[in-house]
Structure formats: structure tokens, C-alpha cells
Protein backbone atom coordinates (compact mmCIF):
# COMPACT_ATOMS: atom_id res chain seq x y z
CA UNK A 1 -98.45 95.43 -268.75
CA UNK A 2 -100.32 98.16 -270.86
CA UNK A 3 -103.21 97.08 -273.11
CA UNK A 4 -103.00 97.52 -276.68
CA UNK A 5 -106.17 98.71 -278.47
CA UNK A 6 -107.21 96.24 -281.04
CA UNK A 7 -108.89 97.11 -284.45
CA UNK A 8 -111.69 94.55 -283.78
CA UNK A 9 -112.96 96.53 -280.67
CA UNK A 10 -115.64 98.24 -282.50
CA UNK A 11 -117.03 95.17 -283.91
CA UNK A 12 -116.79 93.48 -280.70
CA UNK A 13 -118.97 96.12 -278.85
CA UNK A 14 -121.30 96.54 -281.70
CA UNK A 15 -121.94 92.70 -281.66
CA UNK A 16 -122.38 92.63 -277.73
CA UNK A 17 -125.32 95.24 -278.20
CA UNK A 18 -127.21 93.38 -280.70
CA UNK A 19 -126.50 89.56 -280.11
CA UNK A 20 -126.65 87.83 -276.63
CA UNK A 21 -123.58 85.64 -277.63
CA UNK A 22 -120.12 87.11 -279.08
CA UNK A 23 -117.88 84.49 -280.45
CA UNK A 24 -114.23 85.69 -280.97
CA UNK A 25 -111.88 83.36 -282.50
CA UNK A 26 -108.65 83.39 -283.99
CA UNK A 27 -104.94 81.96 -283.47
CA UNK A 28 -103.54 81.02 -279.84
CA UNK A 29 -101.76 83.88 -278.09
CA UNK A 30 -103.46 86.81 -280.46
CA UNK A 31 -104.94 88.55 -277.31
CA UNK A 32 -108.59 87.46 -277.51
CA UNK A 33 -108.75 87.22 -273.59
CA UNK A 34 -107.06 90.20 -273.01
CA UNK A 35 -109.52 91.92 -275.33
CA UNK A 36 -112.38 90.50 -273.55
CA UNK A 37 -111.33 91.36 -270.14
CA UNK A 38 -110.86 95.02 -271.15
CA UNK A 39 -114.02 95.37 -272.81
CA UNK A 40 -116.29 93.23 -270.51
CA UNK A 41 -114.56 94.00 -267.27
CA UNK A 42 -117.57 93.71 -264.88
CA UNK A 43 -118.41 90.11 -266.55
CA UNK A 44 -117.58 86.81 -264.77
CA UNK A 45 -114.58 84.96 -266.22
CA UNK A 46 -114.21 81.38 -266.88
CA UNK A 47 -111.08 79.90 -268.56
CA UNK A 48 -111.67 76.30 -269.72
CA UNK A 49 -107.85 75.60 -269.90
CA UNK A 50 -108.23 75.12 -266.30
CA UNK A 51 -109.01 71.27 -266.42
CA UNK A 52 -110.59 71.08 -262.99
CA UNK A 53 -113.04 73.58 -263.94
CA UNK A 54 -113.51 72.12 -267.27
CA UNK A 55 -114.29 68.70 -265.65
CA UNK A 56 -116.57 70.28 -263.21
CA UNK A 57 -118.70 72.13 -265.86
CA UNK A 58 -118.81 68.83 -268.02
CA UNK A 59 -120.52 66.84 -264.98
CA UNK A 60 -123.23 69.55 -264.65
CA UNK A 61 -123.11 72.10 -267.49
CA UNK A 62 -126.65 73.38 -266.34
CA UNK A 63 -125.60 73.94 -262.91
CA UNK A 64 -122.57 75.91 -264.24
CA UNK A 65 -124.58 77.92 -266.51
CA UNK A 66 -127.42 78.80 -264.09
CA UNK A 67 -124.72 79.88 -261.20
CA UNK A 68 -121.99 81.61 -263.46
CA UNK A 69 -123.71 84.94 -263.60
CA UNK A 70 -125.67 87.16 -266.07
CA UNK A 71 -122.80 88.37 -267.98
CA UNK A 72 -119.98 85.89 -268.97
CA UNK A 73 -116.73 85.40 -270.52
CA UNK A 74 -116.00 81.79 -271.23
CA UNK A 75 -112.47 81.45 -272.55
CA UNK A 76 -111.34 78.47 -274.69
CA UNK A 77 -114.64 77.13 -275.24
CA UNK A 78 -113.44 74.84 -278.00
CA UNK A 79 -112.61 72.64 -275.00
CA UNK A 80 -116.49 71.74 -274.44
CA UNK A 81 -118.22 72.39 -277.47
CA UNK A 82 -121.37 70.76 -275.83
CA UNK A 83 -121.79 73.93 -273.86
CA UNK A 84 -123.01 75.62 -276.72
CA UNK A 85 -126.23 73.79 -276.85
CA UNK A 86 -126.96 74.76 -273.27
CA UNK A 87 -126.31 78.29 -273.91
CA UNK A 88 -128.69 78.21 -276.63
CA UNK A 89 -131.51 77.17 -274.26
CA UNK A 90 -130.55 79.79 -271.80
CA UNK A 91 -130.38 82.87 -274.16
CA UNK A 92 -133.59 81.80 -275.47
CA UNK A 93 -135.36 81.56 -272.16
CA UNK A 94 -133.60 84.36 -270.46
CA UNK A 95 -133.39 87.47 -272.95
CA UNK A 96 -130.94 89.26 -270.53
CA UNK A 97 -128.18 86.78 -270.30
CA UNK A 98 -124.82 87.65 -271.96
CA UNK A 99 -122.07 85.38 -273.24
CA UNK A 100 -118.58 86.18 -274.74
CA UNK A 101 -117.08 83.20 -275.78
CA UNK A 102 -113.27 82.89 -277.08
CA UNK A 103 -111.69 79.87 -278.87
CA UNK A 104 -109.29 79.10 -281.37
CA UNK A 105 -110.43 79.06 -284.79
CA UNK A 106 -110.80 75.49 -286.05
CA UNK A 107 -113.60 73.99 -288.15
CA UNK A 108 -115.31 71.92 -285.33
CA UNK A 109 -115.82 74.75 -282.96
CA UNK A 110 -117.25 76.87 -285.89
CA UNK A 111 -119.54 74.07 -286.90
CA UNK A 112 -120.89 73.62 -283.50
CA UNK A 113 -121.40 77.37 -283.08
CA UNK A 114 -123.31 77.64 -286.57
CA UNK A 115 -125.40 74.72 -285.46
CA UNK A 116 -126.10 75.64 -281.94
CA UNK A 117 -126.41 79.44 -282.07
CA UNK A 118 -128.00 80.53 -285.45
CA UNK A 119 -129.27 84.05 -285.20
CA UNK A 120 -127.99 84.31 -281.59
CA UNK A 121 -124.38 84.89 -281.82
CA UNK A 122 -122.11 86.98 -283.82
CA UNK A 123 -118.77 85.34 -284.64
CA UNK A 124 -115.73 87.89 -285.07
CA UNK A 125 -112.54 86.37 -286.24
CA UNK A 126 -109.37 88.03 -284.70
CA UNK A 127 -106.40 87.62 -286.97
CA UNK A 128 -104.13 89.96 -285.53
CA UNK A 129 -103.84 93.16 -283.37
């Protein structure tokens, strides 16, 4: 399948230069994960749609974040919003850690992000290609 360039690409790339956490939200199936895989192709990728992975992380979020890699994409983060507080601690303690988070745009997720990651994250809303 051929990748389709997205209009938000420059904003995502710019955000990643200045913030340790980039959050891309938008409707389901709008291409957020594909965008991330293309821009950040060297990052480790984890999809929280995978129930077994999600439950494993829920049991020990600190261990997951300590071992997931320096640069990480976490898809569908709305399934595990408590992970955001742990990410806050990590980016405060380790300046070179980078996280790209995707999720459907819902009020609860946005509230969690603004409470847990103020000044540490840029939020980019992906409406359409």
C-alpha cells in the first residue's frame, strides 16, 4: 500500500523537535498510526488495541516504560490513560526519551493529557488527510 502524505506531517515533525511527547488524536481509521510509522520509522511501536499487551502493561507500567526503548510510539493510548502519569515522570527524569502517542479524540483522553503532561507534550488533532 502506498503512503499518502498528510497535511499535518510538518506539525508533527516540528512538535517532535521541541517536545518529548507528541500526541496525535483524531477519529478512528484516519491514518494516525500509519503517519507515525512513516515519520518515526526507527521508533519501537506498541499498539494498546492488543488486549494481552495492554493487560501486561497495566500490571507493571514502570517495567514496560523502563524497557520499551528510548523512542516509542504507543498507539491507542486512550485504553490506558494512567500510563500518562508514568510518562510524565520519565520525561522529567530522562531528557532524551521521546514518546509519540496516538488515540481517538475523546474528552477523557484530552483531559488526562492536559493534566499529566502540561508543558511536556504537543497535541495535534488529525481531522482528515
